[in-house]
Amino acid sequence: MALGKTQSELLSRLSMTDFIEWAAYRKMKPFGYDIDNMRTGVLCSSIINSAGKSYEKSVTWKDFFNPSYEAPKDTSQDAVTSLAGLFTALAKQQDKDKKKKEQQKELKEAVATRTRRRKQPQ
C-alpha cells in the first residue's frame, strides 16, 4: 500500500524489471513510513539542539520514538523473492491461457475447413 496500489494492481501494471529497479532504488534511497519518521525525528532533534544550552544533554532522533521502537529489519530481499514468485506464477498462467486460445483458434480453423470441404460440390 506504500505505493498507493493494491498487490493485484501492481501485478497487472508493474513488470518484473520495474519492480526490481524500484527495490534497488529503495535500498539506495529509502522511502516510506519508517524513514519519514526518522527524518522528522532528525528535524526535531536539530531544532531542540540548536536552542543552545537550555537542555542538559543533546537529543537524537531516537528520542522522538517509543522506547521499544526497533528499526525494521531489511525485508527487501524477502519482498523481491515473494513478488518474483508471484510474477512467475502469473507468467505461467498467461502462457497457459495463450496456449488454450491458440488451441481454440486451431480447432475453429479445423472446423471451418471441414465445413467448407463438405459444402464444396464434388
PDB file of N, CA and C in Angstrom:
ATOM      1  N   MET A   1       0.813  -1.196   0.000  1.00  0.00           N
ATOM      2  CA  MET A   1       0.000   0.000   0.000  1.00  0.00           C
ATOM      3  C   MET A   1       0.859   1.264   0.000  1.00  0.00           C
ATOM      4  N   ALA A   2       2.151   1.112   0.316  1.00  0.00           N
ATOM      5  CA  ALA A   2       3.019   2.288   0.324  1.00  0.00           C
ATOM      6  C   ALA A   2       3.151   2.882  -1.070  1.00  0.00           C
ATOM      7  N   LEU A   3       2.928   2.080  -2.085  1.00  0.00           N
ATOM      8  CA  LEU A   3       2.999   2.577  -3.453  1.00  0.00           C
ATOM      9  C   LEU A   3       1.651   3.100  -3.938  1.00  0.00           C
ATOM     10  N   GLY A   4       0.638   3.040  -3.097  1.00  0.00           N
ATOM     11  CA  GLY A   4      -0.669   3.585  -3.459  1.00  0.00           C
ATOM     12  C   GLY A   4      -1.504   2.657  -4.319  1.00  0.00           C
ATOM     13  N   LYS A   5      -1.122   1.391  -4.403  1.00  0.00           N
ATOM     14  CA  LYS A   5      -1.863   0.430  -5.216  1.00  0.00           C
ATOM     15  C   LYS A   5      -1.956  -0.892  -4.459  1.00  0.00           C
ATOM     16  N   THR A   6      -2.966  -1.667  -4.778  1.00  0.00           N
ATOM     17  CA  THR A   6      -3.068  -2.990  -4.176  1.00  0.00           C
ATOM     18  C   THR A   6      -2.088  -3.925  -4.877  1.00  0.00           C
ATOM     19  N   GLN A   7      -1.891  -5.097  -4.286  1.00  0.00           N
ATOM     20  CA  GLN A   7      -0.961  -6.057  -4.861  1.00  0.00           C
ATOM     21  C   GLN A   7      -1.407  -6.497  -6.259  1.00  0.00           C
ATOM     22  N   SER A   8      -2.704  -6.714  -6.444  1.00  0.00           N
ATOM     23  CA  SER A   8      -3.185  -7.142  -7.759  1.00  0.00           C
ATOM     24  C   SER A   8      -3.017  -6.040  -8.805  1.00  0.00           C
ATOM     25  N   GLU A   9      -3.202  -4.778  -8.399  1.00  0.00           N
ATOM     26  CA  GLU A   9      -2.977  -3.666  -9.333  1.00  0.00           C
ATOM     27  C   GLU A   9      -1.515  -3.592  -9.747  1.00  0.00           C
ATOM     28  N   LEU A  10      -0.628  -3.800  -8.766  1.00  0.00           N
ATOM     29  CA  LEU A  10       0.791  -3.781  -9.089  1.00  0.00           C
ATOM     30  C   LEU A  10       1.161  -4.911 -10.036  1.00  0.00           C
ATOM     31  N   LEU A  11       0.608  -6.104  -9.780  1.00  0.00           N
ATOM     32  CA  LEU A  11       0.912  -7.248 -10.645  1.00  0.00           C
ATOM     33  C   LEU A  11       0.459  -7.005 -12.075  1.00  0.00           C
ATOM     34  N   SER A  12      -0.676  -6.321 -12.238  1.00  0.00           N
ATOM     35  CA  SER A  12      -1.187  -6.101 -13.585  1.00  0.00           C
ATOM     36  C   SER A  12      -0.494  -4.937 -14.289  1.00  0.00           C
ATOM     37  N   ARG A  13       0.124  -4.035 -13.539  1.00  0.00           N
ATOM     38  CA  ARG A  13       0.704  -2.840 -14.159  1.00  0.00           C
ATOM     39  C   ARG A  13       2.224  -2.772 -14.112  1.00  0.00           C
ATOM     40  N   LEU A  14       2.856  -3.473 -13.185  1.00  0.00           N
ATOM     41  CA  LEU A  14       4.285  -3.322 -12.956  1.00  0.00           C
ATOM     42  C   LEU A  14       5.018  -4.563 -13.453  1.00  0.00           C
ATOM     43  N   SER A  15       5.962  -4.369 -14.367  1.00  0.00           N
ATOM     44  CA  SER A  15       6.730  -5.512 -14.869  1.00  0.00           C
ATOM     45  C   SER A  15       7.753  -5.922 -13.813  1.00  0.00           C
ATOM     46  N   MET A  16       8.287  -7.123 -13.952  1.00  0.00           N
ATOM     47  CA  MET A  16       9.278  -7.616 -13.002  1.00  0.00           C
ATOM     48  C   MET A  16      10.523  -6.732 -13.029  1.00  0.00           C
ATOM     49  N   THR A  17      10.915  -6.281 -14.209  1.00  0.00           N
ATOM     50  CA  THR A  17      12.081  -5.399 -14.339  1.00  0.00           C
ATOM     51  C   THR A  17      11.858  -4.107 -13.568  1.00  0.00           C
ATOM     52  N   ASP A  18      10.671  -3.520 -13.723  1.00  0.00           N
ATOM     53  CA  ASP A  18      10.360  -2.282 -12.995  1.00  0.00           C
ATOM     54  C   ASP A  18      10.389  -2.506 -11.488  1.00  0.00           C
ATOM     55  N   PHE A  19       9.833  -3.642 -11.045  1.00  0.00           N
ATOM     56  CA  PHE A  19       9.808  -3.927  -9.615  1.00  0.00           C
ATOM     57  C   PHE A  19      11.227  -4.051  -9.060  1.00  0.00           C
ATOM     58  N   ILE A  20      12.091  -4.748  -9.778  1.00  0.00           N
ATOM     59  CA  ILE A  20      13.469  -4.923  -9.316  1.00  0.00           C
ATOM     60  C   ILE A  20      14.180  -3.573  -9.253  1.00  0.00           C
ATOM     61  N   GLU A  21      13.915  -2.715 -10.241  1.00  0.00           N
ATOM     62  CA  GLU A  21      14.516  -1.378 -10.219  1.00  0.00           C
ATOM     63  C   GLU A  21      14.021  -0.572  -9.017  1.00  0.00           C
ATOM     64  N   TRP A  22      12.728  -0.669  -8.688  1.00  0.00           N
ATOM     65  CA  TRP A  22      12.182   0.042  -7.519  1.00  0.00           C
ATOM     66  C   TRP A  22      12.802  -0.497  -6.232  1.00  0.00           C
ATOM     67  N   ALA A  23      12.958  -1.826  -6.147  1.00  0.00           N
ATOM     68  CA  ALA A  23      13.549  -2.428  -4.943  1.00  0.00           C
ATOM     69  C   ALA A  23      14.992  -1.943  -4.769  1.00  0.00           C
ATOM     70  N   ALA A  24      15.749  -1.869  -5.867  1.00  0.00           N
ATOM     71  CA  ALA A  24      17.129  -1.383  -5.795  1.00  0.00           C
ATOM     72  C   ALA A  24      17.155   0.091  -5.395  1.00  0.00           C
ATOM     73  N   TYR A  25      16.238   0.866  -5.955  1.00  0.00           N
ATOM     74  CA  TYR A  25      16.162   2.295  -5.620  1.00  0.00           C
ATOM     75  C   TYR A  25      15.852   2.483  -4.141  1.00  0.00           C
ATOM     76  N   ARG A  26      14.903   1.690  -3.626  1.00  0.00           N
ATOM     77  CA  ARG A  26      14.529   1.811  -2.213  1.00  0.00           C
ATOM     78  C   ARG A  26      15.694   1.455  -1.304  1.00  0.00           C
ATOM     79  N   LYS A  27      16.519   0.506  -1.742  1.00  0.00           N
ATOM     80  CA  LYS A  27      17.675   0.133  -0.942  1.00  0.00           C
ATOM     81  C   LYS A  27      18.696   1.277  -0.905  1.00  0.00           C
ATOM     82  N   MET A  28      18.845   1.994  -2.030  1.00  0.00           N
ATOM     83  CA  MET A  28      19.790   3.112  -2.080  1.00  0.00           C
ATOM     84  C   MET A  28      19.232   4.357  -1.407  1.00  0.00           C
ATOM     85  N   LYS A  29      17.960   4.646  -1.633  1.00  0.00           N
ATOM     86  CA  LYS A  29      17.328   5.847  -1.084  1.00  0.00           C
ATOM     87  C   LYS A  29      16.001   5.440  -0.441  1.00  0.00           C
ATOM     88  N   PRO A  30      16.038   5.051   0.831  1.00  0.00           N
ATOM     89  CA  PRO A  30      14.827   4.549   1.493  1.00  0.00           C
ATOM     90  C   PRO A  30      13.674   5.551   1.475  1.00  0.00           C
ATOM     91  N   PHE A  31      12.467   5.030   1.370  1.00  0.00           N
ATOM     92  CA  PHE A  31      11.266   5.850   1.469  1.00  0.00           C
ATOM     93  C   PHE A  31      10.216   5.058   2.224  1.00  0.00           C
ATOM     94  N   GLY A  32       9.188   5.741   2.684  1.00  0.00           N
ATOM     95  CA  GLY A  32       8.115   5.067   3.410  1.00  0.00           C
ATOM     96  C   GLY A  32       7.957   5.604   4.823  1.00  0.00           C
ATOM     97  N   TYR A  33       7.064   4.966   5.554  1.00  0.00           N
ATOM     98  CA  TYR A  33       6.656   5.411   6.886  1.00  0.00           C
ATOM     99  C   TYR A  33       7.830   5.512   7.859  1.00  0.00           C
ATOM    100  N   ASP A  34       8.648   4.472   7.950  1.00  0.00           N
ATOM    101  CA  ASP A  34       9.734   4.459   8.930  1.00  0.00           C
ATOM    102  C   ASP A  34      10.777   5.529   8.644  1.00  0.00           C
ATOM    103  N   ILE A  35      11.158   5.658   7.400  1.00  0.00           N
ATOM    104  CA  ILE A  35      12.192   6.648   7.071  1.00  0.00           C
ATOM    105  C   ILE A  35      11.640   8.066   7.253  1.00  0.00           C
ATOM    106  N   ASP A  36      10.347   8.260   6.971  1.00  0.00           N
ATOM    107  CA  ASP A  36       9.733   9.575   7.200  1.00  0.00           C
ATOM    108  C   ASP A  36       9.761   9.931   8.689  1.00  0.00           C
ATOM    109  N   ASN A  37       9.465   8.957   9.547  1.00  0.00           N
ATOM    110  CA  ASN A  37       9.518   9.193  10.990  1.00  0.00           C
ATOM    111  C   ASN A  37      10.936   9.533  11.437  1.00  0.00           C
ATOM    112  N   MET A  38      11.916   8.828  10.890  1.00  0.00           N
ATOM    113  CA  MET A  38      13.293   9.104  11.262  1.00  0.00           C
ATOM    114  C   MET A  38      13.690  10.523  10.837  1.00  0.00           C
ATOM    115  N   ARG A  39      13.316  10.907   9.638  1.00  0.00           N
ATOM    116  CA  ARG A  39      13.649  12.250   9.156  1.00  0.00           C
ATOM    117  C   ARG A  39      12.981  13.323  10.013  1.00  0.00           C
ATOM    118  N   THR A  40      11.751  13.072  10.428  1.00  0.00           N
ATOM    119  CA  THR A  40      11.066  14.017  11.313  1.00  0.00           C
ATOM    120  C   THR A  40      11.788  14.106  12.650  1.00  0.00           C
ATOM    121  N   GLY A  41      12.236  12.971  13.175  1.00  0.00           N
ATOM    122  CA  GLY A  41      12.998  12.952  14.422  1.00  0.00           C
ATOM    123  C   GLY A  41      14.299  13.713  14.301  1.00  0.00           C
ATOM    124  N   VAL A  42      14.972  13.586  13.157  1.00  0.00           N
ATOM    125  CA  VAL A  42      16.213  14.326  12.921  1.00  0.00           C
ATOM    126  C   VAL A  42      15.924  15.823  12.929  1.00  0.00           C
ATOM    127  N   LEU A  43      14.848  16.222  12.256  1.00  0.00           N
ATOM    128  CA  LEU A  43      14.482  17.638  12.211  1.00  0.00           C
ATOM    129  C   LEU A  43      14.185  18.165  13.620  1.00  0.00           C
ATOM    130  N   CYS A  44      13.369  17.420  14.378  1.00  0.00           N
ATOM    131  CA  CYS A  44      13.014  17.865  15.737  1.00  0.00           C
ATOM    132  C   CYS A  44      14.248  17.940  16.633  1.00  0.00           C
ATOM    133  N   SER A  45      15.121  16.946  16.569  1.00  0.00           N
ATOM    134  CA  SER A  45      16.324  16.969  17.413  1.00  0.00           C
ATOM    135  C   SER A  45      17.243  18.121  17.010  1.00  0.00           C
ATOM    136  N   SER A  46      17.289  18.420  15.715  1.00  0.00           N
ATOM    137  CA  SER A  46      18.118  19.563  15.273  1.00  0.00           C
ATOM    138  C   SER A  46      17.586  20.871  15.833  1.00  0.00           C
ATOM    139  N   ILE A  47      16.278  21.035  15.824  1.00  0.00           N
ATOM    140  CA  ILE A  47      15.670  22.265  16.348  1.00  0.00           C
ATOM    141  C   ILE A  47      15.943  22.395  17.841  1.00  0.00           C
ATOM    142  N   ILE A  48      15.741  21.307  18.562  1.00  0.00           N
ATOM    143  CA  ILE A  48      15.950  21.351  20.019  1.00  0.00           C
ATOM    144  C   ILE A  48      17.422  21.593  20.336  1.00  0.00           C
ATOM    145  N   ASN A  49      18.309  20.895  19.628  1.00  0.00           N
ATOM    146  CA  ASN A  49      19.744  21.046  19.909  1.00  0.00           C
ATOM    147  C   ASN A  49      20.258  22.435  19.524  1.00  0.00           C
ATOM    148  N   SER A  50      19.584  23.087  18.586  1.00  0.00           N
ATOM    149  CA  SER A  50      20.035  24.428  18.187  1.00  0.00           C
ATOM    150  C   SER A  50      19.571  25.505  19.170  1.00  0.00           C
ATOM    151  N   ALA A  51      18.729  25.118  20.130  1.00  0.00           N
ATOM    152  CA  ALA A  51      18.211  26.080  21.099  1.00  0.00           C
ATOM    153  C   ALA A  51      19.287  26.540  22.076  1.00  0.00           C
ATOM    154  N   GLY A  52      20.428  25.925  22.027  1.00  0.00           N
ATOM    155  CA  GLY A  52      21.517  26.362  22.907  1.00  0.00           C
ATOM    156  C   GLY A  52      21.646  25.460  24.107  1.00  0.00           C
ATOM    157  N   LYS A  53      22.133  26.020  25.174  1.00  0.00           N
ATOM    158  CA  LYS A  53      22.434  25.243  26.377  1.00  0.00           C
ATOM    159  C   LYS A  53      21.245  25.158  27.320  1.00  0.00           C
ATOM    160  N   SER A  54      20.063  25.313  26.825  1.00  0.00           N
ATOM    161  CA  SER A  54      18.906  25.266  27.708  1.00  0.00           C
ATOM    162  C   SER A  54      18.557  23.830  28.122  1.00  0.00           C
ATOM    163  N   TYR A  55      19.205  22.839  27.481  1.00  0.00           N
ATOM    164  CA  TYR A  55      18.977  21.439  27.842  1.00  0.00           C
ATOM    165  C   TYR A  55      20.280  20.835  28.345  1.00  0.00           C
ATOM    166  N   GLU A  56      20.170  19.893  29.290  1.00  0.00           N
ATOM    167  CA  GLU A  56      21.359  19.289  29.884  1.00  0.00           C
ATOM    168  C   GLU A  56      22.143  18.445  28.883  1.00  0.00           C
ATOM    169  N   LYS A  57      21.452  17.736  28.029  1.00  0.00           N
ATOM    170  CA  LYS A  57      22.134  16.886  27.057  1.00  0.00           C
ATOM    171  C   LYS A  57      21.489  17.071  25.692  1.00  0.00           C
ATOM    172  N   SER A  58      22.222  16.751  24.665  1.00  0.00           N
ATOM    173  CA  SER A  58      21.642  16.863  23.330  1.00  0.00           C
ATOM    174  C   SER A  58      20.710  15.673  23.094  1.00  0.00           C
ATOM    175  N   VAL A  59      19.763  15.850  22.232  1.00  0.00           N
ATOM    176  CA  VAL A  59      18.806  14.786  21.919  1.00  0.00           C
ATOM    177  C   VAL A  59      19.098  14.256  20.520  1.00  0.00           C
ATOM    178  N   THR A  60      18.652  13.032  20.296  1.00  0.00           N
ATOM    179  CA  THR A  60      18.818  12.416  18.977  1.00  0.00           C
ATOM    180  C   THR A  60      17.437  12.121  18.403  1.00  0.00           C
ATOM    181  N   TRP A  61      17.394  11.719  17.176  1.00  0.00           N
ATOM    182  CA  TRP A  61      16.122  11.413  16.539  1.00  0.00           C
ATOM    183  C   TRP A  61      15.404  10.278  17.245  1.00  0.00           C
ATOM    184  N   LYS A  62      16.163   9.368  17.872  1.00  0.00           N
ATOM    185  CA  LYS A  62      15.550   8.223  18.566  1.00  0.00           C
ATOM    186  C   LYS A  62      14.758   8.654  19.796  1.00  0.00           C
ATOM    187  N   ASP A  63      15.065   9.845  20.319  1.00  0.00           N
ATOM    188  CA  ASP A  63      14.341  10.345  21.492  1.00  0.00           C
ATOM    189  C   ASP A  63      12.887  10.665  21.153  1.00  0.00           C
ATOM    190  N   PHE A  64      12.536  10.712  19.904  1.00  0.00           N
ATOM    191  CA  PHE A  64      11.170  11.044  19.494  1.00  0.00           C
ATOM    192  C   PHE A  64      10.338   9.805  19.150  1.00  0.00           C
ATOM    193  N   PHE A  65      10.872   8.642  19.473  1.00  0.00           N
ATOM    194  CA  PHE A  65      10.170   7.389  19.206  1.00  0.00           C
ATOM    195  C   PHE A  65       9.880   6.668  20.506  1.00  0.00           C
ATOM    196  N   ASN A  66       8.974   5.735  20.447  1.00  0.00           N
ATOM    197  CA  ASN A  66       8.673   4.866  21.572  1.00  0.00           C
ATOM    198  C   ASN A  66       9.964   4.150  21.972  1.00  0.00           C
ATOM    199  N   PRO A  67      10.256   4.020  23.263  1.00  0.00           N
ATOM    200  CA  PRO A  67      11.500   3.345  23.677  1.00  0.00           C
ATOM    201  C   PRO A  67      11.621   1.919  23.139  1.00  0.00           C
ATOM    202  N   SER A  68      10.515   1.279  22.855  1.00  0.00           N
ATOM    203  CA  SER A  68      10.575  -0.087  22.351  1.00  0.00           C
ATOM    204  C   SER A  68      10.729  -0.123  20.824  1.00  0.00           C
ATOM    205  N   TYR A  69      10.852   1.060  20.222  1.00  0.00           N
ATOM    206  CA  TYR A  69      10.977   1.124  18.765  1.00  0.00           C
ATOM    207  C   TYR A  69      12.265   0.452  18.313  1.00  0.00           C
ATOM    208  N   GLU A  70      12.144  -0.389  17.318  1.00  0.00           N
ATOM    209  CA  GLU A  70      13.307  -1.008  16.695  1.00  0.00           C
ATOM    210  C   GLU A  70      13.229  -0.722  15.206  1.00  0.00           C
ATOM    211  N   ALA A  71      14.352  -0.408  14.634  1.00  0.00           N
ATOM    212  CA  ALA A  71      14.367  -0.189  13.185  1.00  0.00           C
ATOM    213  C   ALA A  71      13.933  -1.479  12.507  1.00  0.00           C
ATOM    214  N   PRO A  72      13.132  -1.370  11.458  1.00  0.00           N
ATOM    215  CA  PRO A  72      12.661  -2.575  10.803  1.00  0.00           C
ATOM    216  C   PRO A  72      13.820  -3.341  10.181  1.00  0.00           C
ATOM    217  N   LYS A  73      13.711  -4.671  10.238  1.00  0.00           N
ATOM    218  CA  LYS A  73      14.760  -5.472   9.611  1.00  0.00           C
ATOM    219  C   LYS A  73      14.608  -5.364   8.095  1.00  0.00           C
ATOM    220  N   ASP A  74      15.682  -5.591   7.421  1.00  0.00           N
ATOM    221  CA  ASP A  74      15.690  -5.475   5.960  1.00  0.00           C
ATOM    222  C   ASP A  74      14.932  -6.661   5.366  1.00  0.00           C
ATOM    223  N   THR A  75      13.762  -6.387   4.829  1.00  0.00           N
ATOM    224  CA  THR A  75      12.946  -7.445   4.226  1.00  0.00           C
ATOM    225  C   THR A  75      12.851  -7.279   2.723  1.00  0.00           C
ATOM    226  N   SER A  76      13.684  -6.403   2.170  1.00  0.00           N
ATOM    227  CA  SER A  76      13.577  -6.136   0.733  1.00  0.00           C
ATOM    228  C   SER A  76      13.839  -7.386  -0.084  1.00  0.00           C
ATOM    229  N   GLN A  77      14.787  -8.232   0.344  1.00  0.00           N
ATOM    230  CA  GLN A  77      15.067  -9.453  -0.413  1.00  0.00           C
ATOM    231  C   GLN A  77      13.890 -10.417  -0.313  1.00  0.00           C
ATOM    232  N   ASP A  78      13.262 -10.495   0.876  1.00  0.00           N
ATOM    233  CA  ASP A  78      12.078 -11.340   1.024  1.00  0.00           C
ATOM    234  C   ASP A  78      10.965 -10.869   0.101  1.00  0.00           C
ATOM    235  N   ALA A  79      10.791  -9.556   0.015  1.00  0.00           N
ATOM    236  CA  ALA A  79       9.751  -8.999  -0.855  1.00  0.00           C
ATOM    237  C   ALA A  79      10.059  -9.295  -2.320  1.00  0.00           C
ATOM    238  N   VAL A  80      11.327  -9.158  -2.698  1.00  0.00           N
ATOM    239  CA  VAL A  80      11.713  -9.443  -4.083  1.00  0.00           C
ATOM    240  C   VAL A  80      11.437 -10.907  -4.404  1.00  0.00           C
ATOM    241  N   THR A  81      11.828 -11.799  -3.494  1.00  0.00           N
ATOM    242  CA  THR A  81      11.612 -13.228  -3.712  1.00  0.00           C
ATOM    243  C   THR A  81      10.123 -13.541  -3.797  1.00  0.00           C
ATOM    244  N   SER A  82       9.341 -12.945  -2.909  1.00  0.00           N
ATOM    245  CA  SER A  82       7.900 -13.188  -2.893  1.00  0.00           C
ATOM    246  C   SER A  82       7.241 -12.698  -4.181  1.00  0.00           C
ATOM    247  N   LEU A  83       7.561 -11.475  -4.579  1.00  0.00           N
ATOM    248  CA  LEU A  83       6.958 -10.949  -5.804  1.00  0.00           C
ATOM    249  C   LEU A  83       7.492 -11.642  -7.043  1.00  0.00           C
ATOM    250  N   ALA A  84       8.745 -12.092  -6.987  1.00  0.00           N
ATOM    251  CA  ALA A  84       9.286 -12.840  -8.126  1.00  0.00           C
ATOM    252  C   ALA A  84       8.471 -14.114  -8.317  1.00  0.00           C
ATOM    253  N   GLY A  85       8.123 -14.761  -7.207  1.00  0.00           N
ATOM    254  CA  GLY A  85       7.282 -15.954  -7.284  1.00  0.00           C
ATOM    255  C   GLY A  85       5.905 -15.643  -7.856  1.00  0.00           C
ATOM    256  N   LEU A  86       5.333 -14.523  -7.428  1.00  0.00           N
ATOM    257  CA  LEU A  86       4.025 -14.128  -7.946  1.00  0.00           C
ATOM    258  C   LEU A  86       4.086 -13.833  -9.445  1.00  0.00           C
ATOM    259  N   PHE A  87       5.129 -13.115  -9.867  1.00  0.00           N
ATOM    260  CA  PHE A  87       5.272 -12.806 -11.288  1.00  0.00           C
ATOM    261  C   PHE A  87       5.490 -14.080 -12.108  1.00  0.00           C
ATOM    262  N   THR A  88       6.254 -15.023 -11.553  1.00  0.00           N
ATOM    263  CA  THR A  88       6.482 -16.296 -12.242  1.00  0.00           C
ATOM    264  C   THR A  88       5.165 -17.044 -12.405  1.00  0.00           C
ATOM    265  N   ALA A  89       4.383 -17.101 -11.335  1.00  0.00           N
ATOM    266  CA  ALA A  89       3.087 -17.773 -11.402  1.00  0.00           C
ATOM    267  C   ALA A  89       2.163 -17.087 -12.407  1.00  0.00           C
ATOM    268  N   LEU A  90       2.177 -15.763 -12.418  1.00  0.00           N
ATOM    269  CA  LEU A  90       1.358 -15.005 -13.358  1.00  0.00           C
ATOM    270  C   LEU A  90       1.788 -15.283 -14.794  1.00  0.00           C
ATOM    271  N   ALA A  91       3.102 -15.319 -15.027  1.00  0.00           N
ATOM    272  CA  ALA A  91       3.612 -15.600 -16.372  1.00  0.00           C
ATOM    273  C   ALA A  91       3.212 -17.003 -16.831  1.00  0.00           C
ATOM    274  N   LYS A  92       3.278 -17.978 -15.928  1.00  0.00           N
ATOM    275  CA  LYS A  92       2.878 -19.354 -16.274  1.00  0.00           C
ATOM    276  C   LYS A  92       1.398 -19.400 -16.633  1.00  0.00           C
ATOM    277  N   GLN A  93       0.580 -18.691 -15.850  1.00  0.00           N
ATOM    278  CA  GLN A  93      -0.853 -18.674 -16.130  1.00  0.00           C
ATOM    279  C   GLN A  93      -1.132 -18.025 -17.475  1.00  0.00           C
ATOM    280  N   GLN A  94      -0.421 -16.949 -17.770  1.00  0.00           N
ATOM    281  CA  GLN A  94      -0.598 -16.274 -19.060  1.00  0.00           C
ATOM    282  C   GLN A  94      -0.181 -17.192 -20.206  1.00  0.00           C
ATOM    283  N   ASP A  95       0.899 -17.973 -20.004  1.00  0.00           N
ATOM    284  CA  ASP A  95       1.322 -18.936 -21.031  1.00  0.00           C
ATOM    285  C   ASP A  95       0.250 -19.995 -21.258  1.00  0.00           C
ATOM    286  N   LYS A  96      -0.342 -20.491 -20.165  1.00  0.00           N
ATOM    287  CA  LYS A  96      -1.414 -21.487 -20.288  1.00  0.00           C
ATOM    288  C   LYS A  96      -2.603 -20.906 -21.045  1.00  0.00           C
ATOM    289  N   ASP A  97      -2.972 -19.667 -20.676  1.00  0.00           N
ATOM    290  CA  ASP A  97      -4.103 -19.010 -21.347  1.00  0.00           C
ATOM    291  C   ASP A  97      -3.818 -18.820 -22.833  1.00  0.00           C
ATOM    292  N   LYS A  98      -2.582 -18.448 -23.150  1.00  0.00           N
ATOM    293  CA  LYS A  98      -2.202 -18.233 -24.542  1.00  0.00           C
ATOM    294  C   LYS A  98      -2.277 -19.543 -25.333  1.00  0.00           C
ATOM    295  N   LYS A  99      -1.774 -20.625 -24.741  1.00  0.00           N
ATOM    296  CA  LYS A  99      -1.822 -21.932 -25.408  1.00  0.00           C
ATOM    297  C   LYS A  99      -3.265 -22.372 -25.609  1.00  0.00           C
ATOM    298  N   LYS A 100      -4.096 -22.136 -24.610  1.00  0.00           N
ATOM    299  CA  LYS A 100      -5.500 -22.519 -24.711  1.00  0.00           C
ATOM    300  C   LYS A 100      -6.185 -21.749 -25.840  1.00  0.00           C
ATOM    301  N   LYS A 101      -5.918 -20.462 -25.942  1.00  0.00           N
ATOM    302  CA  LYS A 101      -6.505 -19.652 -27.021  1.00  0.00           C
ATOM    303  C   LYS A 101      -6.016 -20.137 -28.383  1.00  0.00           C
ATOM    304  N   GLU A 102      -4.710 -20.483 -28.469  1.00  0.00           N
ATOM    305  CA  GLU A 102      -4.178 -20.996 -29.731  1.00  0.00           C
ATOM    306  C   GLU A 102      -4.854 -22.312 -30.120  1.00  0.00           C
ATOM    307  N   GLN A 103      -5.075 -23.188 -29.135  1.00  0.00           N
ATOM    308  CA  GLN A 103      -5.746 -24.462 -29.403  1.00  0.00           C
ATOM    309  C   GLN A 103      -7.181 -24.223 -29.867  1.00  0.00           C
ATOM    310  N   GLN A 104      -7.875 -23.283 -29.216  1.00  0.00           N
ATOM    311  CA  GLN A 104      -9.248 -22.978 -29.613  1.00  0.00           C
ATOM    312  C   GLN A 104      -9.275 -22.411 -31.032  1.00  0.00           C
ATOM    313  N   LYS A 105      -8.299 -21.577 -31.353  1.00  0.00           N
ATOM    314  CA  LYS A 105      -8.228 -21.000 -32.696  1.00  0.00           C
ATOM    315  C   LYS A 105      -7.981 -22.089 -33.733  1.00  0.00           C
ATOM    316  N   GLU A 106      -7.062 -23.005 -33.451  1.00  0.00           N
ATOM    317  CA  GLU A 106      -6.777 -24.111 -34.359  1.00  0.00           C
ATOM    318  C   GLU A 106      -8.009 -24.993 -34.553  1.00  0.00           C
ATOM    319  N   LEU A 107      -8.725 -25.236 -33.467  1.00  0.00           N
ATOM    320  CA  LEU A 107      -9.933 -26.053 -33.551  1.00  0.00           C
ATOM    321  C   LEU A 107     -10.985 -25.372 -34.415  1.00  0.00           C
ATOM    322  N   LYS A 108     -11.178 -24.069 -34.224  1.00  0.00           N
ATOM    323  CA  LYS A 108     -12.147 -23.327 -35.039  1.00  0.00           C
ATOM    324  C   LYS A 108     -11.754 -23.368 -36.508  1.00  0.00           C
ATOM    325  N   GLU A 109     -10.444 -23.214 -36.789  1.00  0.00           N
ATOM    326  CA  GLU A 109      -9.982 -23.259 -38.171  1.00  0.00           C
ATOM    327  C   GLU A 109     -10.209 -24.640 -38.773  1.00  0.00           C
ATOM    328  N   ALA A 110      -9.965 -25.682 -37.997  1.00  0.00           N
ATOM    329  CA  ALA A 110     -10.173 -27.053 -38.493  1.00  0.00           C
ATOM    330  C   ALA A 110     -11.646 -27.288 -38.781  1.00  0.00           C
ATOM    331  N   VAL A 111     -12.512 -26.832 -37.896  1.00  0.00           N
ATOM    332  CA  VAL A 111     -13.955 -26.986 -38.104  1.00  0.00           C
ATOM    333  C   VAL A 111     -14.391 -26.202 -39.337  1.00  0.00           C
ATOM    334  N   ALA A 112     -13.882 -24.988 -39.490  1.00  0.00           N
ATOM    335  CA  ALA A 112     -14.244 -24.167 -40.647  1.00  0.00           C
ATOM    336  C   ALA A 112     -13.770 -24.817 -41.949  1.00  0.00           C
ATOM    337  N   THR A 113     -12.568 -25.366 -41.945  1.00  0.00           N
ATOM    338  CA  THR A 113     -12.039 -26.046 -43.137  1.00  0.00           C
ATOM    339  C   THR A 113     -12.881 -27.263 -43.478  1.00  0.00           C
ATOM    340  N   ARG A 114     -13.229 -28.011 -42.486  1.00  0.00           N
ATOM    341  CA  ARG A 114     -14.041 -29.214 -42.696  1.00  0.00           C
ATOM    342  C   ARG A 114     -15.419 -28.846 -43.238  1.00  0.00           C
ATOM    343  N   THR A 115     -15.995 -27.774 -42.687  1.00  0.00           N
ATOM    344  CA  THR A 115     -17.314 -27.316 -43.140  1.00  0.00           C
ATOM    345  C   THR A 115     -17.242 -26.868 -44.598  1.00  0.00           C
ATOM    346  N   ARG A 116     -16.183 -26.142 -44.967  1.00  0.00           N
ATOM    347  CA  ARG A 116     -16.027 -25.694 -46.361  1.00  0.00           C
ATOM    348  C   ARG A 116     -15.892 -26.877 -47.313  1.00  0.00           C
ATOM    349  N   ARG A 117     -15.159 -27.895 -46.909  1.00  0.00           N
ATOM    350  CA  ARG A 117     -14.975 -29.076 -47.761  1.00  0.00           C
ATOM    351  C   ARG A 117     -16.303 -29.786 -48.009  1.00  0.00           C
ATOM    352  N   ARG A 118     -17.125 -29.841 -46.980  1.00  0.00           N
ATOM    353  CA  ARG A 118     -18.430 -30.514 -47.119  1.00  0.00           C
ATOM    354  C   ARG A 118     -19.345 -29.743 -48.066  1.00  0.00           C
ATOM    355  N   LYS A 119     -19.222 -28.428 -48.043  1.00  0.00           N
ATOM    356  CA  LYS A 119     -20.116 -27.599 -48.870  1.00  0.00           C
ATOM    357  C   LYS A 119     -19.681 -27.553 -50.322  1.00  0.00           C
ATOM    358  N   GLN A 120     -18.404 -27.861 -50.590  1.00  0.00           N
ATOM    359  CA  GLN A 120     -17.921 -27.808 -51.979  1.00  0.00           C
ATOM    360  C   GLN A 120     -18.547 -28.953 -52.786  1.00  0.00           C
ATOM    361  N   PRO A 121     -19.002 -28.624 -54.015  1.00  0.00           N
ATOM    362  CA  PRO A 121     -19.562 -29.689 -54.862  1.00  0.00           C
ATOM    363  C   PRO A 121     -18.437 -30.582 -55.381  1.00  0.00           C
ATOM    364  N   GLN A 122     -18.734 -31.856 -55.472  1.00  0.00           N
ATOM    365  CA  GLN A 122     -17.717 -32.803 -55.931  1.00  0.00           C
ATOM    366  C   GLN A 122     -17.980 -33.334 -57.298  1.00  0.00           C
TER     367      GLN A 122
END
